[in-house]
Amino acid sequence: MNIKKIVLTVVIALLLIIFGFSSFYTISSTQRGILTTFGKVSSKSVSDGLHAKIPFIQNVKKVNVQTQKIDDNTISYTKDIQSAELSFVVNYDFKLDNLVDLYTKVGFNYESKILSPIIEGVIKDVVGTFNAAEIVENRDNVRNKIEIQLVNQFPSQYFSNIRFQIVNIDYDDQFEKAIIEKQVAEQNALREKNNTVRIQEEANQQIIKAEAEAKAIQIKADALAANPKIVSYEAVQKWNGVLPEYMLGDAVPFINLK
């Protein structure tokens, strides 16, 4: 009898411990809780903190409500029928007031049910309006157009702050080679154009210099024609005051005319 009482006491104690631990739960600051009673969902989500529930009757699903991230890739065709594999990231936030409604009406496989099809459809639609080379040259414009459409098509009652980023665009190898060759050709053409501009500018400078020199010579010539004595005046201005020395033949001694 004593053994039976001991066993019964241990069992009851274990049940009480299990019951006690099952009666309380915590929700962190980055979570919200979805409380169900016999499968029926409560009307509001449970905020962070310590909470009580009825063991075996009520259950709590904890949902991470930090910014969500979809990291994926898809293949689309451009306007000029080039295959483009687009790697992308979509970030979004929950609207916490409607978290229970999202769980009830859609479930927490909502990404595969509604978001992924929207994302893939929008990417294909936008990429299909650009030629492949235009996407390479206007990548941010493509990203912006996709993001705008995602904002418009994501269910606004459940999601907010939708952001879209293009991680990588991978084309067929031959097309990528053609793009590289085109860029190299454009760079070479620009370099040659710059050389031509430089050479033309140098030639213009030489012409300007020659015209200036010719004009100066003409001004001097006009001045001499108007006043011939100006030559004598300039000679006097340059004379250092020393008379020239002459040697008058072999028989005449050297004469210094200073």
Protein backbone atom coordinates (compact mmCIF):
# COMPACT_ATOMS: atom_id res chain seq x y z
CA MET A 1 0.00 0.00 0.00
CA ASN A 2 2.83 2.36 0.86
CA ILE A 3 4.45 1.69 -2.50
CA LYS A 4 1.18 2.44 -4.30
CA LYS A 5 0.79 5.70 -2.41
CA ILE A 6 4.34 6.70 -3.21
CA VAL A 7 3.88 5.93 -6.93
CA LEU A 8 0.57 7.79 -7.00
CA THR A 9 2.12 10.78 -5.25
CA VAL A 10 5.02 10.86 -7.73
CA VAL A 11 2.64 10.63 -10.69
CA ILE A 12 0.45 13.41 -9.34
CA ALA A 13 3.52 15.56 -8.65
CA LEU A 14 4.80 15.02 -12.20
CA LEU A 15 1.38 15.88 -13.62
CA LEU A 16 1.27 19.05 -11.56
CA ILE A 17 4.75 20.01 -12.74
CA ILE A 18 3.82 19.34 -16.38
CA PHE A 19 0.53 21.18 -15.91
CA GLY A 20 2.35 24.10 -14.31
CA PHE A 21 4.95 24.40 -17.06
CA SER A 22 2.27 24.02 -19.74
CA SER A 23 0.16 26.80 -18.21
CA PHE A 24 2.65 29.59 -18.95
CA TYR A 25 4.47 30.78 -22.04
CA THR A 26 6.52 33.80 -23.09
CA ILE A 27 6.47 35.90 -26.24
CA SER A 28 9.66 37.81 -27.07
CA SER A 29 9.80 41.39 -28.35
CA THR A 30 10.35 40.14 -31.92
CA GLN A 31 7.32 37.83 -31.84
CA ARG A 32 3.56 37.77 -31.71
CA GLY A 33 1.49 34.80 -30.55
CA ILE A 34 -1.56 33.25 -32.21
CA LEU A 35 -3.68 31.63 -29.48
CA THR A 36 -6.14 28.84 -30.35
CA THR A 37 -8.70 27.16 -28.07
CA PHE A 38 -9.78 23.76 -29.36
CA GLY A 39 -8.54 24.96 -32.75
CA LYS A 40 -10.52 28.21 -32.70
CA VAL A 41 -8.29 31.25 -33.25
CA SER A 42 -8.44 34.18 -30.84
CA SER A 43 -9.46 37.50 -32.34
CA LYS A 44 -6.19 39.26 -31.46
CA SER A 45 -2.55 38.28 -31.47
CA VAL A 46 -0.67 37.99 -28.18
CA SER A 47 2.00 40.64 -27.57
CA ASP A 48 5.38 40.13 -25.92
CA GLY A 49 5.65 39.11 -22.26
CA LEU A 50 4.64 36.25 -19.92
CA HIS A 51 1.17 34.75 -20.48
CA ALA A 52 -1.00 31.91 -19.15
CA LYS A 53 -3.01 29.31 -21.08
CA ILE A 54 -5.05 26.22 -20.38
CA PRO A 55 -2.84 23.16 -20.90
CA PHE A 56 -3.92 20.67 -23.57
CA ILE A 57 -6.85 22.94 -24.49
CA GLN A 58 -5.14 26.07 -25.70
CA ASN A 59 -2.12 26.24 -28.00
CA VAL A 60 0.11 29.13 -29.07
CA LYS A 61 1.86 29.60 -32.39
CA LYS A 62 4.75 32.05 -32.15
CA VAL A 63 5.32 34.22 -35.20
CA ASN A 64 8.53 36.16 -35.91
CA VAL A 65 7.36 39.67 -36.82
CA GLN A 66 10.75 41.13 -37.72
CA THR A 67 11.27 42.27 -41.31
CA GLN A 68 10.67 39.27 -43.55
CA LYS A 69 12.91 38.28 -46.46
CA ILE A 70 12.28 36.32 -49.66
CA ASP A 71 15.54 35.38 -51.38
CA ASP A 72 14.92 33.68 -54.72
CA ASN A 73 15.55 33.70 -58.48
CA THR A 74 13.44 33.35 -61.61
CA ILE A 75 13.95 33.15 -65.37
CA SER A 76 12.28 35.79 -67.53
CA TYR A 77 12.44 36.81 -71.19
CA THR A 78 13.29 40.32 -72.33
CA LYS A 79 11.53 42.27 -75.06
CA ASP A 80 14.14 41.08 -77.58
CA ILE A 81 13.67 37.42 -76.48
CA GLN A 82 16.82 37.08 -74.36
CA SER A 83 16.67 34.67 -71.44
CA ALA A 84 17.54 36.43 -68.15
CA GLU A 85 17.93 34.67 -64.82
CA LEU A 86 17.16 37.24 -62.15
CA SER A 87 18.34 36.74 -58.55
CA PHE A 88 16.46 39.00 -56.16
CA VAL A 89 15.54 39.83 -52.57
CA VAL A 90 12.14 41.07 -51.37
CA ASN A 91 11.78 42.50 -47.88
CA TYR A 92 8.47 43.35 -46.20
CA ASP A 93 6.83 43.84 -42.80
CA PHE A 94 3.62 42.45 -41.31
CA LYS A 95 0.74 44.69 -40.35
CA LEU A 96 0.46 43.39 -36.80
CA ASP A 97 -3.19 44.34 -36.30
CA ASN A 98 -4.16 41.92 -39.09
CA LEU A 99 -1.79 39.08 -38.24
CA VAL A 100 -4.59 36.86 -36.92
CA ASP A 101 -6.68 37.55 -40.02
CA LEU A 102 -3.74 36.53 -42.25
CA TYR A 103 -3.33 33.29 -40.30
CA THR A 104 -7.05 32.54 -40.38
CA LYS A 105 -7.77 33.32 -44.04
CA VAL A 106 -4.48 32.40 -45.71
CA GLY A 107 -2.34 30.46 -43.25
CA PHE A 108 1.36 30.81 -42.69
CA ASN A 109 2.26 29.29 -46.02
CA TYR A 110 1.12 32.65 -47.44
CA GLU A 111 4.48 33.15 -49.22
CA SER A 112 3.98 30.16 -51.51
CA LYS A 113 0.24 30.83 -51.82
CA ILE A 114 0.13 34.52 -52.68
CA LEU A 115 3.48 36.34 -52.53
CA SER A 116 5.73 34.17 -54.72
CA PRO A 117 3.23 34.07 -57.63
CA ILE A 118 2.85 37.87 -57.43
CA ILE A 119 6.63 38.41 -57.41
CA GLU A 120 7.27 36.07 -60.33
CA GLY A 121 4.45 37.58 -62.38
CA VAL A 122 5.58 41.16 -61.79
CA ILE A 123 9.22 40.38 -62.67
CA LYS A 124 8.22 38.68 -65.92
CA ASP A 125 5.90 41.58 -66.85
CA VAL A 126 8.48 44.31 -66.21
CA VAL A 127 11.49 42.49 -67.69
CA GLY A 128 9.41 41.80 -70.82
CA THR A 129 9.09 45.53 -71.49
CA PHE A 130 12.86 46.09 -71.80
CA ASN A 131 15.48 44.92 -74.26
CA ALA A 132 18.32 43.01 -72.62
CA ALA A 133 20.85 45.78 -73.20
CA GLU A 134 18.44 48.34 -71.69
CA ILE A 135 18.22 46.28 -68.49
CA VAL A 136 22.01 46.27 -68.22
CA GLU A 137 22.15 50.03 -68.74
CA ASN A 138 19.07 50.92 -66.64
CA ARG A 139 19.14 48.36 -63.86
CA ASP A 140 17.88 50.72 -61.16
CA ASN A 141 14.98 51.82 -63.36
CA VAL A 142 13.96 48.17 -63.79
CA ARG A 143 14.26 47.59 -60.04
CA ASN A 144 12.12 50.64 -59.31
CA LYS A 145 9.35 49.58 -61.71
CA ILE A 146 9.22 46.09 -60.18
CA GLU A 147 9.08 47.51 -56.66
CA ILE A 148 6.21 49.86 -57.52
CA GLN A 149 4.14 47.00 -58.94
CA LEU A 150 4.87 44.79 -55.92
CA VAL A 151 3.69 47.56 -53.58
CA ASN A 152 0.47 47.80 -55.60
CA GLN A 153 -0.16 44.04 -55.75
CA PHE A 154 0.86 42.78 -52.30
CA PRO A 155 -2.29 42.60 -50.10
CA SER A 156 -2.06 45.95 -48.32
CA GLN A 157 -4.13 44.76 -45.36
CA TYR A 158 -1.40 42.28 -44.40
CA PHE A 159 1.94 43.71 -45.62
CA SER A 160 3.81 47.02 -45.67
CA ASN A 161 7.26 48.49 -46.43
CA ILE A 162 7.82 46.29 -49.50
CA ARG A 163 11.36 46.67 -50.89
CA PHE A 164 12.81 44.95 -53.93
CA GLN A 165 16.49 44.51 -54.83
CA ILE A 166 18.13 42.90 -57.87
CA VAL A 167 21.07 40.80 -56.72
CA ASN A 168 22.24 39.56 -60.11
CA ILE A 169 21.14 39.25 -63.73
CA ASP A 170 22.59 36.33 -65.65
CA TYR A 171 22.25 36.20 -69.44
CA ASP A 172 23.31 33.65 -72.01
CA ASP A 173 27.12 33.53 -72.27
CA GLN A 174 27.15 34.63 -75.92
CA PHE A 175 24.96 37.62 -75.16
CA GLU A 176 27.13 38.65 -72.20
CA LYS A 177 30.19 38.40 -74.46
CA ALA A 178 28.45 40.64 -77.02
CA ILE A 179 27.67 43.21 -74.29
CA ILE A 180 31.31 43.26 -73.17
CA GLU A 181 32.52 43.68 -76.76
CA LYS A 182 30.06 46.53 -77.29
CA GLN A 183 31.24 48.29 -74.14
CA VAL A 184 34.88 47.91 -75.18
CA ALA A 185 34.08 49.29 -78.64
CA GLU A 186 32.24 52.26 -77.13
CA GLN A 187 35.16 52.99 -74.79
CA ASN A 188 37.62 52.84 -77.69
CA ALA A 189 35.42 55.13 -79.77
CA LEU A 190 35.17 57.60 -76.89
CA ARG A 191 38.94 57.55 -76.43
CA GLU A 192 39.48 58.24 -80.15
CA LYS A 193 36.91 61.02 -80.02
CA ASN A 194 38.71 62.60 -77.08
CA ASN A 195 42.01 62.36 -78.98
CA THR A 196 40.42 64.05 -81.99
CA VAL A 197 39.08 66.85 -79.80
CA ARG A 198 42.52 67.27 -78.19
CA ILE A 199 44.30 67.42 -81.55
CA GLN A 200 41.75 69.91 -82.89
CA GLU A 201 42.16 72.09 -79.80
CA GLU A 202 45.95 72.06 -80.16
CA ALA A 203 45.58 73.04 -83.83
CA ASN A 204 43.23 75.87 -82.88
CA GLN A 205 45.74 77.13 -80.32
CA GLN A 206 48.49 77.12 -82.97
CA ILE A 207 46.24 79.08 -85.34
CA ILE A 208 45.41 81.60 -82.63
CA LYS A 209 49.11 81.97 -81.79
CA ALA A 210 50.09 82.39 -85.46
CA GLU A 211 47.32 84.95 -86.00
CA ALA A 212 48.49 86.89 -82.95
CA GLU A 213 52.11 86.89 -84.17
CA ALA A 214 51.05 87.96 -87.66
CA LYS A 215 48.96 90.75 -86.21
CA ALA A 216 51.90 91.96 -84.11
CA ILE A 217 54.18 91.97 -87.17
CA GLN A 218 51.58 93.90 -89.15
CA ILE A 219 51.25 96.47 -86.39
CA LYS A 220 55.04 96.97 -86.40
CA ALA A 221 55.12 97.19 -90.17
CA ASP A 222 52.33 99.79 -90.14
CA ALA A 223 54.17 101.76 -87.48
CA LEU A 224 57.45 101.75 -89.48
CA ALA A 225 55.67 102.82 -92.62
CA ALA A 226 54.07 105.71 -90.78
CA ASN A 227 57.30 106.79 -89.03
CA PRO A 228 60.64 105.48 -90.45
CA LYS A 229 62.62 107.21 -87.70
CA ILE A 230 61.29 104.70 -85.22
CA VAL A 231 64.11 102.31 -86.29
CA SER A 232 66.74 104.83 -85.22
CA TYR A 233 64.85 105.41 -81.97
CA GLU A 234 64.82 101.72 -81.17
CA ALA A 235 68.58 101.44 -81.97
CA VAL A 236 69.33 104.28 -79.58
CA GLN A 237 67.17 102.65 -76.89
CA LYS A 238 69.20 99.45 -77.23
CA TRP A 239 72.73 101.13 -77.43
CA ASN A 240 74.91 100.48 -74.39
CA GLY A 241 77.09 103.61 -74.90
CA VAL A 242 80.18 101.72 -76.22
CA LEU A 243 81.53 102.80 -79.62
CA PRO A 244 82.59 100.07 -82.07
CA GLU A 245 86.29 99.24 -82.58
CA TYR A 246 87.90 99.16 -86.11
CA MET A 247 91.09 97.70 -87.60
CA LEU A 248 92.08 99.95 -90.61
CA GLY A 249 94.26 97.62 -92.70
CA ASP A 250 97.63 95.98 -92.00
CA ALA A 251 99.68 99.20 -92.07
CA VAL A 252 97.38 101.27 -89.86
CA PRO A 253 97.52 100.64 -86.16
CA PHE A 254 94.50 99.61 -84.26
CA ILE A 255 92.36 102.62 -83.35
CA ASN A 256 90.13 102.59 -80.33
CA LEU A 257 87.33 105.13 -80.96
CA LYS A 258 86.16 105.29 -77.37
